[in-house]
Structure formats: C-alpha cells, structure tokens
Amino acid sequence: MAVLKVIEILASSKDSWEDAARNAVAEASKSVKNIRSAYIREQSCVVDGNNITQFRVNVKITFEVN
C-alpha cells in the first residue's frame, strides 16, 4: 500500500498558466521526489493597464512517501 502526501504550491509565469504549472512542478521536484500528479486548483492573473503581465496558479502536488 502506498502512502501519498499532498502539498500546495503557488507559482507564476509571464507566458501562460501552463508554464506556471510547469514551474510549480519543477520547483517542487527540487525537494520532493516521486511526484505522481498535479491538480490546478486556481488560476489568476495580474493585469497592468490593458495587459496581462503575470499568470498565476495554485497547484496541489501529490507525491508518494517512502
């Protein structure tokens, strides 16, 4: 039986929500091993004038504990 743990990561990107999600997984993988899934819980963006300047995601990362 596997034991799984979930952590929440907030990440951002200047390019897209997809890139922000990739950044979250990349950052989590620096200290967490055996990542199994990433669930995008929320998406938001920063608007300056009429332009989106930053895409943000709140991601739940699930990983297996050894």
PDB file of N, CA and C in Angstrom:
ATOM      1  N   MET A   1       0.836  -1.171   0.000  1.00  0.00           N
ATOM      2  CA  MET A   1       0.000   0.000   0.000  1.00  0.00           C
ATOM      3  C   MET A   1       0.887   1.243   0.000  1.00  0.00           C
ATOM      4  N   ALA A   2       0.607   2.173  -0.879  1.00  0.00           N
ATOM      5  CA  ALA A   2       1.386   3.398  -0.985  1.00  0.00           C
ATOM      6  C   ALA A   2       0.783   4.484  -0.091  1.00  0.00           C
ATOM      7  N   VAL A   3       1.661   5.282   0.473  1.00  0.00           N
ATOM      8  CA  VAL A   3       1.240   6.443   1.251  1.00  0.00           C
ATOM      9  C   VAL A   3       1.514   7.679   0.407  1.00  0.00           C
ATOM     10  N   LEU A   4       0.471   8.481   0.183  1.00  0.00           N
ATOM     11  CA  LEU A   4       0.602   9.683  -0.633  1.00  0.00           C
ATOM     12  C   LEU A   4       0.413  10.915   0.234  1.00  0.00           C
ATOM     13  N   LYS A   5       1.129  11.970  -0.126  1.00  0.00           N
ATOM     14  CA  LYS A   5       1.026  13.239   0.581  1.00  0.00           C
ATOM     15  C   LYS A   5       0.740  14.334  -0.441  1.00  0.00           C
ATOM     16  N   VAL A   6       0.017  15.383  -0.012  1.00  0.00           N
ATOM     17  CA  VAL A   6      -0.331  16.492  -0.897  1.00  0.00           C
ATOM     18  C   VAL A   6       0.213  17.789  -0.299  1.00  0.00           C
ATOM     19  N   ILE A   7       0.867  18.583  -1.141  1.00  0.00           N
ATOM     20  CA  ILE A   7       1.313  19.918  -0.749  1.00  0.00           C
ATOM     21  C   ILE A   7       0.744  20.923  -1.741  1.00  0.00           C
ATOM     22  N   GLU A   8       0.669  22.170  -1.334  1.00  0.00           N
ATOM     23  CA  GLU A   8       0.185  23.222  -2.226  1.00  0.00           C
ATOM     24  C   GLU A   8       1.342  24.133  -2.597  1.00  0.00           C
ATOM     25  N   ILE A   9       1.415  24.472  -3.883  1.00  0.00           N
ATOM     26  CA  ILE A   9       2.458  25.342  -4.407  1.00  0.00           C
ATOM     27  C   ILE A   9       1.790  26.492  -5.155  1.00  0.00           C
ATOM     28  N   LEU A  10       2.270  27.683  -4.931  1.00  0.00           N
ATOM     29  CA  LEU A  10       1.845  28.841  -5.710  1.00  0.00           C
ATOM     30  C   LEU A  10       2.969  29.169  -6.680  1.00  0.00           C
ATOM     31  N   ALA A  11       2.633  29.312  -7.957  1.00  0.00           N
ATOM     32  CA  ALA A  11       3.661  29.583  -8.968  1.00  0.00           C
ATOM     33  C   ALA A  11       3.132  30.589  -9.981  1.00  0.00           C
ATOM     34  N   SER A  12       4.069  31.193 -10.714  1.00  0.00           N
ATOM     35  CA  SER A  12       3.673  32.190 -11.709  1.00  0.00           C
ATOM     36  C   SER A  12       4.561  32.096 -12.942  1.00  0.00           C
ATOM     37  N   SER A  13       4.095  32.753 -13.998  1.00  0.00           N
ATOM     38  CA  SER A  13       4.820  32.812 -15.261  1.00  0.00           C
ATOM     39  C   SER A  13       4.397  34.065 -16.004  1.00  0.00           C
ATOM     40  N   LYS A  14       5.290  34.604 -16.785  1.00  0.00           N
ATOM     41  CA  LYS A  14       4.954  35.742 -17.642  1.00  0.00           C
ATOM     42  C   LYS A  14       4.294  35.283 -18.940  1.00  0.00           C
ATOM     43  N   ASP A  15       4.371  33.965 -19.244  1.00  0.00           N
ATOM     44  CA  ASP A  15       3.928  33.450 -20.539  1.00  0.00           C
ATOM     45  C   ASP A  15       2.531  32.843 -20.552  1.00  0.00           C
ATOM     46  N   SER A  16       2.238  31.928 -19.592  1.00  0.00           N
ATOM     47  CA  SER A  16       0.958  31.215 -19.639  1.00  0.00           C
ATOM     48  C   SER A  16       0.694  30.488 -18.325  1.00  0.00           C
ATOM     49  N   TRP A  17      -0.580  30.051 -18.151  1.00  0.00           N
ATOM     50  CA  TRP A  17      -0.918  29.237 -16.991  1.00  0.00           C
ATOM     51  C   TRP A  17      -0.223  27.878 -17.073  1.00  0.00           C
ATOM     52  N   GLU A  18      -0.093  27.341 -18.276  1.00  0.00           N
ATOM     53  CA  GLU A  18       0.594  26.057 -18.443  1.00  0.00           C
ATOM     54  C   GLU A  18       2.043  26.158 -17.992  1.00  0.00           C
ATOM     55  N   ASP A  19       2.705  27.241 -18.351  1.00  0.00           N
ATOM     56  CA  ASP A  19       4.090  27.450 -17.948  1.00  0.00           C
ATOM     57  C   ASP A  19       4.178  27.633 -16.434  1.00  0.00           C
ATOM     58  N   ALA A  20       3.213  28.314 -15.847  1.00  0.00           N
ATOM     59  CA  ALA A  20       3.189  28.468 -14.392  1.00  0.00           C
ATOM     60  C   ALA A  20       3.046  27.107 -13.709  1.00  0.00           C
ATOM     61  N   ALA A  21       2.212  26.224 -14.254  1.00  0.00           N
ATOM     62  CA  ALA A  21       2.058  24.873 -13.705  1.00  0.00           C
ATOM     63  C   ALA A  21       3.356  24.093 -13.823  1.00  0.00           C
ATOM     64  N   ARG A  22       4.040  24.222 -14.949  1.00  0.00           N
ATOM     65  CA  ARG A  22       5.341  23.564 -15.123  1.00  0.00           C
ATOM     66  C   ARG A  22       6.345  24.081 -14.093  1.00  0.00           C
ATOM     67  N   ASN A  23       6.312  25.387 -13.852  1.00  0.00           N
ATOM     68  CA  ASN A  23       7.213  25.983 -12.858  1.00  0.00           C
ATOM     69  C   ASN A  23       6.932  25.429 -11.463  1.00  0.00           C
ATOM     70  N   ALA A  24       5.665  25.224 -11.142  1.00  0.00           N
ATOM     71  CA  ALA A  24       5.307  24.667  -9.833  1.00  0.00           C
ATOM     72  C   ALA A  24       5.859  23.258  -9.667  1.00  0.00           C
ATOM     73  N   VAL A  25       5.691  22.423 -10.674  1.00  0.00           N
ATOM     74  CA  VAL A  25       6.193  21.047 -10.604  1.00  0.00           C
ATOM     75  C   VAL A  25       7.727  21.041 -10.563  1.00  0.00           C
ATOM     76  N   ALA A  26       8.359  21.888 -11.356  1.00  0.00           N
ATOM     77  CA  ALA A  26       9.822  21.961 -11.370  1.00  0.00           C
ATOM     78  C   ALA A  26      10.360  22.400 -10.016  1.00  0.00           C
ATOM     79  N   GLU A  27       9.725  23.380  -9.409  1.00  0.00           N
ATOM     80  CA  GLU A  27      10.178  23.871  -8.104  1.00  0.00           C
ATOM     81  C   GLU A  27       9.953  22.821  -7.025  1.00  0.00           C
ATOM     82  N   ALA A  28       8.799  22.160  -7.041  1.00  0.00           N
ATOM     83  CA  ALA A  28       8.513  21.116  -6.050  1.00  0.00           C
ATOM     84  C   ALA A  28       9.486  19.952  -6.188  1.00  0.00           C
ATOM     85  N   SER A  29       9.858  19.613  -7.412  1.00  0.00           N
ATOM     86  CA  SER A  29      10.739  18.464  -7.636  1.00  0.00           C
ATOM     87  C   SER A  29      12.163  18.687  -7.128  1.00  0.00           C
ATOM     88  N   LYS A  30      12.497  19.918  -6.787  1.00  0.00           N
ATOM     89  CA  LYS A  30      13.823  20.190  -6.200  1.00  0.00           C
ATOM     90  C   LYS A  30      13.954  19.596  -4.804  1.00  0.00           C
ATOM     91  N   SER A  31      12.834  19.484  -4.077  1.00  0.00           N
ATOM     92  CA  SER A  31      12.892  18.955  -2.716  1.00  0.00           C
ATOM     93  C   SER A  31      11.978  17.756  -2.484  1.00  0.00           C
ATOM     94  N   VAL A  32      11.092  17.445  -3.440  1.00  0.00           N
ATOM     95  CA  VAL A  32      10.151  16.338  -3.294  1.00  0.00           C
ATOM     96  C   VAL A  32      10.379  15.337  -4.413  1.00  0.00           C
ATOM     97  N   LYS A  33      10.457  14.082  -4.050  1.00  0.00           N
ATOM     98  CA  LYS A  33      10.632  13.015  -5.041  1.00  0.00           C
ATOM     99  C   LYS A  33       9.320  12.246  -5.213  1.00  0.00           C
ATOM    100  N   ASN A  34       9.239  11.458  -6.250  1.00  0.00           N
ATOM    101  CA  ASN A  34       8.082  10.590  -6.522  1.00  0.00           C
ATOM    102  C   ASN A  34       6.783  11.359  -6.722  1.00  0.00           C
ATOM    103  N   ILE A  35       6.854  12.487  -7.441  1.00  0.00           N
ATOM    104  CA  ILE A  35       5.639  13.248  -7.734  1.00  0.00           C
ATOM    105  C   ILE A  35       4.755  12.425  -8.652  1.00  0.00           C
ATOM    106  N   ARG A  36       3.478  12.293  -8.291  1.00  0.00           N
ATOM    107  CA  ARG A  36       2.529  11.482  -9.047  1.00  0.00           C
ATOM    108  C   ARG A  36       1.549  12.316  -9.867  1.00  0.00           C
ATOM    109  N   SER A  37       1.131  13.479  -9.338  1.00  0.00           N
ATOM    110  CA  SER A  37       0.154  14.284 -10.071  1.00  0.00           C
ATOM    111  C   SER A  37       0.206  15.734  -9.607  1.00  0.00           C
ATOM    112  N   ALA A  38      -0.373  16.576 -10.443  1.00  0.00           N
ATOM    113  CA  ALA A  38      -0.509  17.998 -10.121  1.00  0.00           C
ATOM    114  C   ALA A  38      -1.929  18.407 -10.482  1.00  0.00           C
ATOM    115  N   TYR A  39      -2.636  18.965  -9.521  1.00  0.00           N
ATOM    116  CA  TYR A  39      -4.018  19.404  -9.702  1.00  0.00           C
ATOM    117  C   TYR A  39      -4.040  20.923  -9.646  1.00  0.00           C
ATOM    118  N   ILE A  40      -4.468  21.557 -10.721  1.00  0.00           N
ATOM    119  CA  ILE A  40      -4.559  23.005 -10.768  1.00  0.00           C
ATOM    120  C   ILE A  40      -5.820  23.420 -10.022  1.00  0.00           C
ATOM    121  N   ARG A  41      -5.644  24.002  -8.867  1.00  0.00           N
ATOM    122  CA  ARG A  41      -6.783  24.368  -8.023  1.00  0.00           C
ATOM    123  C   ARG A  41      -7.372  25.715  -8.412  1.00  0.00           C
ATOM    124  N   GLU A  42      -6.524  26.688  -8.659  1.00  0.00           N
ATOM    125  CA  GLU A  42      -6.987  28.026  -9.026  1.00  0.00           C
ATOM    126  C   GLU A  42      -6.056  28.632 -10.057  1.00  0.00           C
ATOM    127  N   GLN A  43      -6.614  29.511 -10.871  1.00  0.00           N
ATOM    128  CA  GLN A  43      -5.847  30.289 -11.835  1.00  0.00           C
ATOM    129  C   GLN A  43      -6.205  31.755 -11.646  1.00  0.00           C
ATOM    130  N   SER A  44      -5.212  32.616 -11.752  1.00  0.00           N
ATOM    131  CA  SER A  44      -5.457  34.051 -11.702  1.00  0.00           C
ATOM    132  C   SER A  44      -4.389  34.742 -12.533  1.00  0.00           C
ATOM    133  N   CYS A  45      -4.576  36.031 -12.744  1.00  0.00           N
ATOM    134  CA  CYS A  45      -3.569  36.777 -13.496  1.00  0.00           C
ATOM    135  C   CYS A  45      -3.462  38.191 -12.946  1.00  0.00           C
ATOM    136  N   VAL A  46      -2.341  38.818 -13.236  1.00  0.00           N
ATOM    137  CA  VAL A  46      -2.101  40.199 -12.855  1.00  0.00           C
ATOM    138  C   VAL A  46      -2.264  41.041 -14.112  1.00  0.00           C
ATOM    139  N   VAL A  47      -3.037  42.106 -14.006  1.00  0.00           N
ATOM    140  CA  VAL A  47      -3.281  42.981 -15.153  1.00  0.00           C
ATOM    141  C   VAL A  47      -2.674  44.349 -14.847  1.00  0.00           C
ATOM    142  N   ASP A  48      -1.896  44.849 -15.790  1.00  0.00           N
ATOM    143  CA  ASP A  48      -1.321  46.192 -15.690  1.00  0.00           C
ATOM    144  C   ASP A  48      -1.777  46.972 -16.912  1.00  0.00           C
ATOM    145  N   GLY A  49      -2.610  47.978 -16.692  1.00  0.00           N
ATOM    146  CA  GLY A  49      -3.209  48.671 -17.829  1.00  0.00           C
ATOM    147  C   GLY A  49      -4.198  47.742 -18.501  1.00  0.00           C
ATOM    148  N   ASN A  50      -3.984  47.471 -19.768  1.00  0.00           N
ATOM    149  CA  ASN A  50      -4.834  46.529 -20.509  1.00  0.00           C
ATOM    150  C   ASN A  50      -4.122  45.224 -20.817  1.00  0.00           C
ATOM    151  N   ASN A  51      -2.984  44.981 -20.176  1.00  0.00           N
ATOM    152  CA  ASN A  51      -2.174  43.806 -20.494  1.00  0.00           C
ATOM    153  C   ASN A  51      -2.035  42.868 -19.304  1.00  0.00           C
ATOM    154  N   ILE A  52      -2.092  41.586 -19.595  1.00  0.00           N
ATOM    155  CA  ILE A  52      -1.795  40.580 -18.575  1.00  0.00           C
ATOM    156  C   ILE A  52      -0.279  40.505 -18.450  1.00  0.00           C
ATOM    157  N   THR A  53       0.204  40.719 -17.232  1.00  0.00           N
ATOM    158  CA  THR A  53       1.655  40.722 -17.019  1.00  0.00           C
ATOM    159  C   THR A  53       2.152  39.463 -16.326  1.00  0.00           C
ATOM    160  N   GLN A  54       1.233  38.733 -15.676  1.00  0.00           N
ATOM    161  CA  GLN A  54       1.656  37.535 -14.969  1.00  0.00           C
ATOM    162  C   GLN A  54       0.486  36.569 -14.831  1.00  0.00           C
ATOM    163  N   PHE A  55       0.753  35.292 -15.086  1.00  0.00           N
ATOM    164  CA  PHE A  55      -0.220  34.217 -14.903  1.00  0.00           C
ATOM    165  C   PHE A  55       0.149  33.477 -13.621  1.00  0.00           C
ATOM    166  N   ARG A  56      -0.848  33.209 -12.781  1.00  0.00           N
ATOM    167  CA  ARG A  56      -0.586  32.544 -11.507  1.00  0.00           C
ATOM    168  C   ARG A  56      -1.466  31.312 -11.353  1.00  0.00           C
ATOM    169  N   VAL A  57      -0.907  30.292 -10.708  1.00  0.00           N
ATOM    170  CA  VAL A  57      -1.653  29.066 -10.426  1.00  0.00           C
ATOM    171  C   VAL A  57      -1.415  28.636  -8.980  1.00  0.00           C
ATOM    172  N   ASN A  58      -2.431  28.025  -8.416  1.00  0.00           N
ATOM    173  CA  ASN A  58      -2.338  27.370  -7.120  1.00  0.00           C
ATOM    174  C   ASN A  58      -2.446  25.881  -7.434  1.00  0.00           C
ATOM    175  N   VAL A  59      -1.380  25.135  -7.177  1.00  0.00           N
ATOM    176  CA  VAL A  59      -1.293  23.735  -7.603  1.00  0.00           C
ATOM    177  C   VAL A  59      -1.168  22.815  -6.399  1.00  0.00           C
ATOM    178  N   LYS A  60      -1.944  21.727  -6.405  1.00  0.00           N
ATOM    179  CA  LYS A  60      -1.783  20.678  -5.400  1.00  0.00           C
ATOM    180  C   LYS A  60      -0.909  19.588  -6.013  1.00  0.00           C
ATOM    181  N   ILE A  61       0.204  19.337  -5.385  1.00  0.00           N
ATOM    182  CA  ILE A  61       1.166  18.336  -5.848  1.00  0.00           C
ATOM    183  C   ILE A  61       1.017  17.083  -4.968  1.00  0.00           C
ATOM    184  N   THR A  62       0.785  15.946  -5.601  1.00  0.00           N
ATOM    185  CA  THR A  62       0.674  14.671  -4.882  1.00  0.00           C
ATOM    186  C   THR A  62       1.937  13.852  -5.133  1.00  0.00           C
ATOM    187  N   PHE A  63       2.515  13.325  -4.038  1.00  0.00           N
ATOM    188  CA  PHE A  63       3.709  12.513  -4.184  1.00  0.00           C
ATOM    189  C   PHE A  63       3.665  11.329  -3.217  1.00  0.00           C
ATOM    190  N   GLU A  64       4.410  10.292  -3.564  1.00  0.00           N
ATOM    191  CA  GLU A  64       4.460   9.090  -2.751  1.00  0.00           C
ATOM    192  C   GLU A  64       5.545   9.217  -1.699  1.00  0.00           C
ATOM    193  N   VAL A  65       5.192   8.860  -0.468  1.00  0.00           N
ATOM    194  CA  VAL A  65       6.139   8.885   0.643  1.00  0.00           C
ATOM    195  C   VAL A  65       6.721   7.482   0.804  1.00  0.00           C
ATOM    196  N   ASN A  66       8.036   7.419   0.886  1.00  0.00           N
ATOM    197  CA  ASN A  66       8.706   6.109   1.073  1.00  0.00           C
ATOM    198  C   ASN A  66       8.820   5.759   2.532  1.00  0.00           C
TER     199      ASN A  66
END
